[in-house]
Structures are given as C-alpha cells and as structure tokens.
Amino acid sequence: VLEVEALPSGSGVEFVDKVVGGSVP
C-alpha cells in the first residue's frame, strides 16, 4: 500500500518507509 504525492519541481523521486507493526517485513 503506497501513498503517492507531488513534490516541487526538480525534487526527483523520494521513497519513504512508514511501515509499522511488520506488515511488510
């Protein structure tokens, strides 16, 4: 399950891990 959101121009692509409780090991 992902949340996708816009970033300001020139920011590139960011990946953020906010998994809690080990739902994804």
mmCIF file of all heavy atoms, coordinates in Angstrom:
data_MODEL
# 
_entry.id   MODEL 
# 
loop_
_atom_site.group_PDB 
_atom_site.id 
_atom_site.type_symbol 
_atom_site.label_atom_id 
_atom_site.label_alt_id 
_atom_site.label_comp_id 
_atom_site.label_asym_id 
_atom_site.label_entity_id 
_atom_site.label_seq_id 
_atom_site.pdbx_PDB_ins_code 
_atom_site.Cartn_x 
_atom_site.Cartn_y 
_atom_site.Cartn_z 
_atom_site.occupancy 
_atom_site.B_iso_or_equiv 
_atom_site.pdbx_formal_charge 
_atom_site.auth_seq_id 
_atom_site.auth_comp_id 
_atom_site.auth_asym_id 
_atom_site.auth_atom_id 
_atom_site.pdbx_PDB_model_num 
ATOM 1   N N   . VAL A 1 1  ? 0.874  -1.185 0.000   1.00 0.00 ? 1  VAL A N   1 
ATOM 2   C CA  . VAL A 1 1  ? 0.000  0.000  0.000   1.00 0.00 ? 1  VAL A CA  1 
ATOM 3   C C   . VAL A 1 1  ? 0.909  1.233  0.000   1.00 0.00 ? 1  VAL A C   1 
ATOM 4   O O   . VAL A 1 1  ? 1.768  1.387  0.883   1.00 0.00 ? 1  VAL A O   1 
ATOM 5   C CB  . VAL A 1 1  ? -0.930 0.025  1.229   1.00 0.00 ? 1  VAL A CB  1 
ATOM 6   C CG1 . VAL A 1 1  ? -1.824 1.270  1.189   1.00 0.00 ? 1  VAL A CG1 1 
ATOM 7   C CG2 . VAL A 1 1  ? -1.775 -1.244 1.297   1.00 0.00 ? 1  VAL A CG2 1 
ATOM 8   N N   . LEU A 1 2  ? 0.725  2.075  -1.015  1.00 0.00 ? 2  LEU A N   1 
ATOM 9   C CA  . LEU A 1 2  ? 1.555  3.279  -1.174  1.00 0.00 ? 2  LEU A CA  1 
ATOM 10  C C   . LEU A 1 2  ? 0.702  4.534  -1.121  1.00 0.00 ? 2  LEU A C   1 
ATOM 11  O O   . LEU A 1 2  ? -0.445 4.531  -1.581  1.00 0.00 ? 2  LEU A O   1 
ATOM 12  C CB  . LEU A 1 2  ? 2.263  3.284  -2.534  1.00 0.00 ? 2  LEU A CB  1 
ATOM 13  C CG  . LEU A 1 2  ? 3.470  2.390  -2.801  1.00 0.00 ? 2  LEU A CG  1 
ATOM 14  C CD1 . LEU A 1 2  ? 3.979  2.671  -4.213  1.00 0.00 ? 2  LEU A CD1 1 
ATOM 15  C CD2 . LEU A 1 2  ? 4.577  2.633  -1.797  1.00 0.00 ? 2  LEU A CD2 1 
ATOM 16  N N   . GLU A 1 3  ? 1.282  5.582  -0.595  1.00 0.00 ? 3  GLU A N   1 
ATOM 17  C CA  . GLU A 1 3  ? 0.720  6.919  -0.785  1.00 0.00 ? 3  GLU A CA  1 
ATOM 18  C C   . GLU A 1 3  ? 1.626  7.642  -1.772  1.00 0.00 ? 3  GLU A C   1 
ATOM 19  O O   . GLU A 1 3  ? 2.845  7.692  -1.589  1.00 0.00 ? 3  GLU A O   1 
ATOM 20  C CB  . GLU A 1 3  ? 0.675  7.696  0.532   1.00 0.00 ? 3  GLU A CB  1 
ATOM 21  C CG  . GLU A 1 3  ? -0.465 7.285  1.441   1.00 0.00 ? 3  GLU A CG  1 
ATOM 22  C CD  . GLU A 1 3  ? -0.468 8.076  2.745   1.00 0.00 ? 3  GLU A CD  1 
ATOM 23  O OE1 . GLU A 1 3  ? 0.245  9.107  2.813   1.00 0.00 ? 3  GLU A OE1 1 
ATOM 24  O OE2 . GLU A 1 3  ? -1.163 7.652  3.675   1.00 0.00 ? 3  GLU A OE2 1 
ATOM 25  N N   . VAL A 1 4  ? 1.036  8.175  -2.833  1.00 0.00 ? 4  VAL A N   1 
ATOM 26  C CA  . VAL A 1 4  ? 1.788  8.892  -3.862  1.00 0.00 ? 4  VAL A CA  1 
ATOM 27  C C   . VAL A 1 4  ? 1.423  10.365 -3.787  1.00 0.00 ? 4  VAL A C   1 
ATOM 28  O O   . VAL A 1 4  ? 0.232  10.708 -3.782  1.00 0.00 ? 4  VAL A O   1 
ATOM 29  C CB  . VAL A 1 4  ? 1.468  8.326  -5.274  1.00 0.00 ? 4  VAL A CB  1 
ATOM 30  C CG1 . VAL A 1 4  ? 2.162  9.147  -6.348  1.00 0.00 ? 4  VAL A CG1 1 
ATOM 31  C CG2 . VAL A 1 4  ? 1.887  6.869  -5.366  1.00 0.00 ? 4  VAL A CG2 1 
ATOM 32  N N   . GLU A 1 5  ? 2.427  11.241 -3.700  1.00 0.00 ? 5  GLU A N   1 
ATOM 33  C CA  . GLU A 1 5  ? 2.135  12.679 -3.623  1.00 0.00 ? 5  GLU A CA  1 
ATOM 34  C C   . GLU A 1 5  ? 3.156  13.482 -4.422  1.00 0.00 ? 5  GLU A C   1 
ATOM 35  O O   . GLU A 1 5  ? 4.289  13.047 -4.652  1.00 0.00 ? 5  GLU A O   1 
ATOM 36  C CB  . GLU A 1 5  ? 2.096  13.145 -2.164  1.00 0.00 ? 5  GLU A CB  1 
ATOM 37  C CG  . GLU A 1 5  ? 3.381  12.932 -1.393  1.00 0.00 ? 5  GLU A CG  1 
ATOM 38  C CD  . GLU A 1 5  ? 3.244  13.288 0.080   1.00 0.00 ? 5  GLU A CD  1 
ATOM 39  O OE1 . GLU A 1 5  ? 2.185  12.974 0.660   1.00 0.00 ? 5  GLU A OE1 1 
ATOM 40  O OE2 . GLU A 1 5  ? 4.208  13.854 0.637   1.00 0.00 ? 5  GLU A OE2 1 
ATOM 41  N N   . ALA A 1 6  ? 2.711  14.675 -4.838  1.00 0.00 ? 6  ALA A N   1 
ATOM 42  C CA  . ALA A 1 6  ? 3.557  15.545 -5.671  1.00 0.00 ? 6  ALA A CA  1 
ATOM 43  C C   . ALA A 1 6  ? 4.641  16.206 -4.842  1.00 0.00 ? 6  ALA A C   1 
ATOM 44  O O   . ALA A 1 6  ? 4.456  16.506 -3.658  1.00 0.00 ? 6  ALA A O   1 
ATOM 45  C CB  . ALA A 1 6  ? 2.687  16.611 -6.337  1.00 0.00 ? 6  ALA A CB  1 
ATOM 46  N N   . LEU A 1 7  ? 5.781  16.434 -5.490  1.00 0.00 ? 7  LEU A N   1 
ATOM 47  C CA  . LEU A 1 7  ? 6.898  17.180 -4.891  1.00 0.00 ? 7  LEU A CA  1 
ATOM 48  C C   . LEU A 1 7  ? 7.186  18.416 -5.753  1.00 0.00 ? 7  LEU A C   1 
ATOM 49  O O   . LEU A 1 7  ? 6.815  18.462 -6.935  1.00 0.00 ? 7  LEU A O   1 
ATOM 50  C CB  . LEU A 1 7  ? 8.154  16.298 -4.848  1.00 0.00 ? 7  LEU A CB  1 
ATOM 51  C CG  . LEU A 1 7  ? 8.201  15.193 -3.780  1.00 0.00 ? 7  LEU A CG  1 
ATOM 52  C CD1 . LEU A 1 7  ? 9.469  14.375 -3.969  1.00 0.00 ? 7  LEU A CD1 1 
ATOM 53  C CD2 . LEU A 1 7  ? 8.165  15.769 -2.383  1.00 0.00 ? 7  LEU A CD2 1 
ATOM 54  N N   . PRO A 1 8  ? 7.864  19.415 -5.197  1.00 0.00 ? 8  PRO A N   1 
ATOM 55  C CA  . PRO A 1 8  ? 8.224  20.591 -6.013  1.00 0.00 ? 8  PRO A CA  1 
ATOM 56  C C   . PRO A 1 8  ? 9.118  20.197 -7.198  1.00 0.00 ? 8  PRO A C   1 
ATOM 57  O O   . PRO A 1 8  ? 9.840  19.201 -7.142  1.00 0.00 ? 8  PRO A O   1 
ATOM 58  C CB  . PRO A 1 8  ? 8.995  21.489 -5.032  1.00 0.00 ? 8  PRO A CB  1 
ATOM 59  C CG  . PRO A 1 8  ? 8.594  21.022 -3.681  1.00 0.00 ? 8  PRO A CG  1 
ATOM 60  C CD  . PRO A 1 8  ? 8.281  19.573 -3.797  1.00 0.00 ? 8  PRO A CD  1 
ATOM 61  N N   . SER A 1 9  ? 9.059  21.001 -8.247  1.00 0.00 ? 9  SER A N   1 
ATOM 62  C CA  . SER A 1 9  ? 9.841  20.742 -9.457  1.00 0.00 ? 9  SER A CA  1 
ATOM 63  C C   . SER A 1 9  ? 11.331 20.624 -9.140  1.00 0.00 ? 9  SER A C   1 
ATOM 64  O O   . SER A 1 9  ? 11.878 21.412 -8.383  1.00 0.00 ? 9  SER A O   1 
ATOM 65  C CB  . SER A 1 9  ? 9.620  21.880 -10.458 1.00 0.00 ? 9  SER A CB  1 
ATOM 66  O OG  . SER A 1 9  ? 10.394 21.672 -11.599 1.00 0.00 ? 9  SER A OG  1 
ATOM 67  N N   . GLY A 1 10 ? 11.957 19.604 -9.715  1.00 0.00 ? 10 GLY A N   1 
ATOM 68  C CA  . GLY A 1 10 ? 13.395 19.402 -9.519  1.00 0.00 ? 10 GLY A CA  1 
ATOM 69  C C   . GLY A 1 10 ? 13.748 18.558 -8.316  1.00 0.00 ? 10 GLY A C   1 
ATOM 70  O O   . GLY A 1 10 ? 14.919 18.361 -8.010  1.00 0.00 ? 10 GLY A O   1 
ATOM 71  N N   . SER A 1 11 ? 12.744 18.028 -7.613  1.00 0.00 ? 11 SER A N   1 
ATOM 72  C CA  . SER A 1 11 ? 12.999 17.247 -6.383  1.00 0.00 ? 11 SER A CA  1 
ATOM 73  C C   . SER A 1 11 ? 13.383 15.802 -6.663  1.00 0.00 ? 11 SER A C   1 
ATOM 74  O O   . SER A 1 11 ? 13.918 15.119 -5.790  1.00 0.00 ? 11 SER A O   1 
ATOM 75  C CB  . SER A 1 11 ? 11.765 17.259 -5.475  1.00 0.00 ? 11 SER A CB  1 
ATOM 76  O OG  . SER A 1 11 ? 11.406 18.566 -5.133  1.00 0.00 ? 11 SER A OG  1 
ATOM 77  N N   . GLY A 1 12 ? 13.064 15.308 -7.863  1.00 0.00 ? 12 GLY A N   1 
ATOM 78  C CA  . GLY A 1 12 ? 13.354 13.910 -8.151  1.00 0.00 ? 12 GLY A CA  1 
ATOM 79  C C   . GLY A 1 12 ? 12.271 13.003 -7.576  1.00 0.00 ? 12 GLY A C   1 
ATOM 80  O O   . GLY A 1 12 ? 11.123 13.407 -7.400  1.00 0.00 ? 12 GLY A O   1 
ATOM 81  N N   . VAL A 1 13 ? 12.636 11.774 -7.277  1.00 0.00 ? 13 VAL A N   1 
ATOM 82  C CA  . VAL A 1 13 ? 11.687 10.799 -6.710  1.00 0.00 ? 13 VAL A CA  1 
ATOM 83  C C   . VAL A 1 13 ? 12.185 10.357 -5.344  1.00 0.00 ? 13 VAL A C   1 
ATOM 84  O O   . VAL A 1 13 ? 13.349 9.993  -5.191  1.00 0.00 ? 13 VAL A O   1 
ATOM 85  C CB  . VAL A 1 13 ? 11.527 9.573  -7.645  1.00 0.00 ? 13 VAL A CB  1 
ATOM 86  C CG1 . VAL A 1 13 ? 10.624 8.526  -7.004  1.00 0.00 ? 13 VAL A CG1 1 
ATOM 87  C CG2 . VAL A 1 13 ? 10.952 10.007 -8.984  1.00 0.00 ? 13 VAL A CG2 1 
ATOM 88  N N   . GLU A 1 14 ? 11.304 10.436 -4.370  1.00 0.00 ? 14 GLU A N   1 
ATOM 89  C CA  . GLU A 1 14 ? 11.666 10.035 -2.999  1.00 0.00 ? 14 GLU A CA  1 
ATOM 90  C C   . GLU A 1 14 ? 10.907 8.782  -2.602  1.00 0.00 ? 14 GLU A C   1 
ATOM 91  O O   . GLU A 1 14 ? 9.729  8.620  -2.941  1.00 0.00 ? 14 GLU A O   1 
ATOM 92  C CB  . GLU A 1 14 ? 11.302 11.147 -2.001  1.00 0.00 ? 14 GLU A CB  1 
ATOM 93  C CG  . GLU A 1 14 ? 12.216 12.354 -2.048  1.00 0.00 ? 14 GLU A CG  1 
ATOM 94  C CD  . GLU A 1 14 ? 11.816 13.391 -0.993  1.00 0.00 ? 14 GLU A CD  1 
ATOM 95  O OE1 . GLU A 1 14 ? 11.050 13.019 -0.067  1.00 0.00 ? 14 GLU A OE1 1 
ATOM 96  O OE2 . GLU A 1 14 ? 12.243 14.546 -1.119  1.00 0.00 ? 14 GLU A OE2 1 
ATOM 97  N N   . PHE A 1 15 ? 11.565 7.909  -1.849  1.00 0.00 ? 15 PHE A N   1 
ATOM 98  C CA  . PHE A 1 15 ? 10.899 6.741  -1.260  1.00 0.00 ? 15 PHE A CA  1 
ATOM 99  C C   . PHE A 1 15 ? 10.976 6.875  0.260   1.00 0.00 ? 15 PHE A C   1 
ATOM 100 O O   . PHE A 1 15 ? 12.048 7.128  0.818   1.00 0.00 ? 15 PHE A O   1 
ATOM 101 C CB  . PHE A 1 15 ? 11.587 5.450  -1.706  1.00 0.00 ? 15 PHE A CB  1 
ATOM 102 C CG  . PHE A 1 15 ? 11.077 4.224  -0.995  1.00 0.00 ? 15 PHE A CG  1 
ATOM 103 C CD1 . PHE A 1 15 ? 9.830  3.683  -1.290  1.00 0.00 ? 15 PHE A CD1 1 
ATOM 104 C CD2 . PHE A 1 15 ? 11.835 3.613  0.007   1.00 0.00 ? 15 PHE A CD2 1 
ATOM 105 C CE1 . PHE A 1 15 ? 9.358  2.560  -0.618  1.00 0.00 ? 15 PHE A CE1 1 
ATOM 106 C CE2 . PHE A 1 15 ? 11.377 2.491  0.682   1.00 0.00 ? 15 PHE A CE2 1 
ATOM 107 C CZ  . PHE A 1 15 ? 10.124 1.964  0.359   1.00 0.00 ? 15 PHE A CZ  1 
ATOM 108 N N   . VAL A 1 16 ? 9.809  6.758  0.914   1.00 0.00 ? 16 VAL A N   1 
ATOM 109 C CA  . VAL A 1 16 ? 9.747  6.882  2.375   1.00 0.00 ? 16 VAL A CA  1 
ATOM 110 C C   . VAL A 1 16 ? 9.104  5.624  2.951   1.00 0.00 ? 16 VAL A C   1 
ATOM 111 O O   . VAL A 1 16 ? 8.044  5.185  2.486   1.00 0.00 ? 16 VAL A O   1 
ATOM 112 C CB  . VAL A 1 16 ? 8.934  8.137  2.795   1.00 0.00 ? 16 VAL A CB  1 
ATOM 113 C CG1 . VAL A 1 16 ? 8.877  8.240  4.316   1.00 0.00 ? 16 VAL A CG1 1 
ATOM 114 C CG2 . VAL A 1 16 ? 9.539  9.398  2.186   1.00 0.00 ? 16 VAL A CG2 1 
ATOM 115 N N   . ASP A 1 17 ? 9.752  5.058  3.936   1.00 0.00 ? 17 ASP A N   1 
ATOM 116 C CA  . ASP A 1 17 ? 9.227  3.844  4.602   1.00 0.00 ? 17 ASP A CA  1 
ATOM 117 C C   . ASP A 1 17 ? 8.513  4.259  5.892   1.00 0.00 ? 17 ASP A C   1 
ATOM 118 O O   . ASP A 1 17 ? 9.133  4.772  6.824   1.00 0.00 ? 17 ASP A O   1 
ATOM 119 C CB  . ASP A 1 17 ? 10.396 2.901  4.897   1.00 0.00 ? 17 ASP A CB  1 
ATOM 120 C CG  . ASP A 1 17 ? 9.987  1.750  5.817   1.00 0.00 ? 17 ASP A CG  1 
ATOM 121 O OD1 . ASP A 1 17 ? 8.783  1.451  5.895   1.00 0.00 ? 17 ASP A OD1 1 
ATOM 122 O OD2 . ASP A 1 17 ? 10.897 1.172  6.447   1.00 0.00 ? 17 ASP A OD2 1 
ATOM 123 N N   . LYS A 1 18 ? 7.169  4.056  5.922   1.00 0.00 ? 18 LYS A N   1 
ATOM 124 C CA  . LYS A 1 18 ? 6.403  4.368  7.139   1.00 0.00 ? 18 LYS A CA  1 
ATOM 125 C C   . LYS A 1 18 ? 5.631  3.140  7.632   1.00 0.00 ? 18 LYS A C   1 
ATOM 126 O O   . LYS A 1 18 ? 4.571  3.257  8.241   1.00 0.00 ? 18 LYS A O   1 
ATOM 127 C CB  . LYS A 1 18 ? 5.433  5.518  6.856   1.00 0.00 ? 18 LYS A CB  1 
ATOM 128 C CG  . LYS A 1 18 ? 6.116  6.897  6.797   1.00 0.00 ? 18 LYS A CG  1 
ATOM 129 C CD  . LYS A 1 18 ? 5.104  8.010  6.875   1.00 0.00 ? 18 LYS A CD  1 
ATOM 130 C CE  . LYS A 1 18 ? 5.797  9.372  6.906   1.00 0.00 ? 18 LYS A CE  1 
ATOM 131 N NZ  . LYS A 1 18 ? 4.797  10.467 6.884   1.00 0.00 ? 18 LYS A NZ  1 
ATOM 132 N N   . VAL A 1 19 ? 6.167  1.988  7.313   1.00 0.00 ? 19 VAL A N   1 
ATOM 133 C CA  . VAL A 1 19 ? 5.507  0.740  7.731   1.00 0.00 ? 19 VAL A CA  1 
ATOM 134 C C   . VAL A 1 19 ? 5.676  0.557  9.242   1.00 0.00 ? 19 VAL A C   1 
ATOM 135 O O   . VAL A 1 19 ? 6.781  0.739  9.776   1.00 0.00 ? 19 VAL A O   1 
ATOM 136 C CB  . VAL A 1 19 ? 6.107  -0.460 6.978   1.00 0.00 ? 19 VAL A CB  1 
ATOM 137 C CG1 . VAL A 1 19 ? 5.587  -1.770 7.566   1.00 0.00 ? 19 VAL A CG1 1 
ATOM 138 C CG2 . VAL A 1 19 ? 5.773  -0.375 5.504   1.00 0.00 ? 19 VAL A CG2 1 
ATOM 139 N N   . VAL A 1 20 ? 4.581  0.222  9.911   1.00 0.00 ? 20 VAL A N   1 
ATOM 140 C CA  . VAL A 1 20 ? 4.648  -0.090 11.355  1.00 0.00 ? 20 VAL A CA  1 
ATOM 141 C C   . VAL A 1 20 ? 4.045  -1.475 11.595  1.00 0.00 ? 20 VAL A C   1 
ATOM 142 O O   . VAL A 1 20 ? 3.189  -1.934 10.844  1.00 0.00 ? 20 VAL A O   1 
ATOM 143 C CB  . VAL A 1 20 ? 3.898  0.973  12.199  1.00 0.00 ? 20 VAL A CB  1 
ATOM 144 C CG1 . VAL A 1 20 ? 4.647  2.292  12.181  1.00 0.00 ? 20 VAL A CG1 1 
ATOM 145 C CG2 . VAL A 1 20 ? 2.471  1.164  11.722  1.00 0.00 ? 20 VAL A CG2 1 
ATOM 146 N N   . GLY A 1 21 ? 4.502  -2.108 12.610  1.00 0.00 ? 21 GLY A N   1 
ATOM 147 C CA  . GLY A 1 21 ? 3.919  -3.386 13.019  1.00 0.00 ? 21 GLY A CA  1 
ATOM 148 C C   . GLY A 1 21 ? 4.323  -4.566 12.173  1.00 0.00 ? 21 GLY A C   1 
ATOM 149 O O   . GLY A 1 21 ? 3.737  -5.644 12.299  1.00 0.00 ? 21 GLY A O   1 
ATOM 150 N N   . GLY A 1 22 ? 5.294  -4.388 11.272  1.00 0.00 ? 22 GLY A N   1 
ATOM 151 C CA  . GLY A 1 22 ? 5.806  -5.523 10.498  1.00 0.00 ? 22 GLY A CA  1 
ATOM 152 C C   . GLY A 1 22 ? 4.886  -6.038 9.421   1.00 0.00 ? 22 GLY A C   1 
ATOM 153 O O   . GLY A 1 22 ? 5.002  -7.194 9.006   1.00 0.00 ? 22 GLY A O   1 
ATOM 154 N N   . SER A 1 23 ? 3.927  -5.202 8.963   1.00 0.00 ? 23 SER A N   1 
ATOM 155 C CA  . SER A 1 23 ? 3.011  -5.668 7.903   1.00 0.00 ? 23 SER A CA  1 
ATOM 156 C C   . SER A 1 23 ? 3.791  -5.995 6.625   1.00 0.00 ? 23 SER A C   1 
ATOM 157 O O   . SER A 1 23 ? 3.378  -6.849 5.848   1.00 0.00 ? 23 SER A O   1 
ATOM 158 C CB  . SER A 1 23 ? 1.933  -4.624 7.625   1.00 0.00 ? 23 SER A CB  1 
ATOM 159 O OG  . SER A 1 23 ? 2.525  -3.379 7.283   1.00 0.00 ? 23 SER A OG  1 
ATOM 160 N N   . VAL A 1 24 ? 4.904  -5.267 6.401   1.00 0.00 ? 24 VAL A N   1 
ATOM 161 C CA  . VAL A 1 24 ? 5.859  -5.656 5.348   1.00 0.00 ? 24 VAL A CA  1 
ATOM 162 C C   . VAL A 1 24 ? 7.190  -5.890 6.062   1.00 0.00 ? 24 VAL A C   1 
ATOM 163 O O   . VAL A 1 24 ? 7.747  -4.967 6.660   1.00 0.00 ? 24 VAL A O   1 
ATOM 164 C CB  . VAL A 1 24 ? 6.017  -4.553 4.278   1.00 0.00 ? 24 VAL A CB  1 
ATOM 165 C CG1 . VAL A 1 24 ? 7.071  -4.974 3.260   1.00 0.00 ? 24 VAL A CG1 1 
ATOM 166 C CG2 . VAL A 1 24 ? 4.696  -4.250 3.581   1.00 0.00 ? 24 VAL A CG2 1 
ATOM 167 N N   . PRO A 1 25 ? 7.693  -7.126 6.063   1.00 0.00 ? 25 PRO A N   1 
ATOM 168 C CA  . PRO A 1 25 ? 8.943  -7.416 6.778   1.00 0.00 ? 25 PRO A CA  1 
ATOM 169 C C   . PRO A 1 25 ? 10.094 -6.535 6.304   1.00 0.00 ? 25 PRO A C   1 
ATOM 170 O O   . PRO A 1 25 ? 10.162 -6.171 5.125   1.00 0.00 ? 25 PRO A O   1 
ATOM 171 C CB  . PRO A 1 25 ? 9.197  -8.888 6.442   1.00 0.00 ? 25 PRO A CB  1 
ATOM 172 C CG  . PRO A 1 25 ? 7.854  -9.440 6.086   1.00 0.00 ? 25 PRO A CG  1 
ATOM 173 C CD  . PRO A 1 25 ? 7.099  -8.324 5.449   1.00 0.00 ? 25 PRO A CD  1 
# 
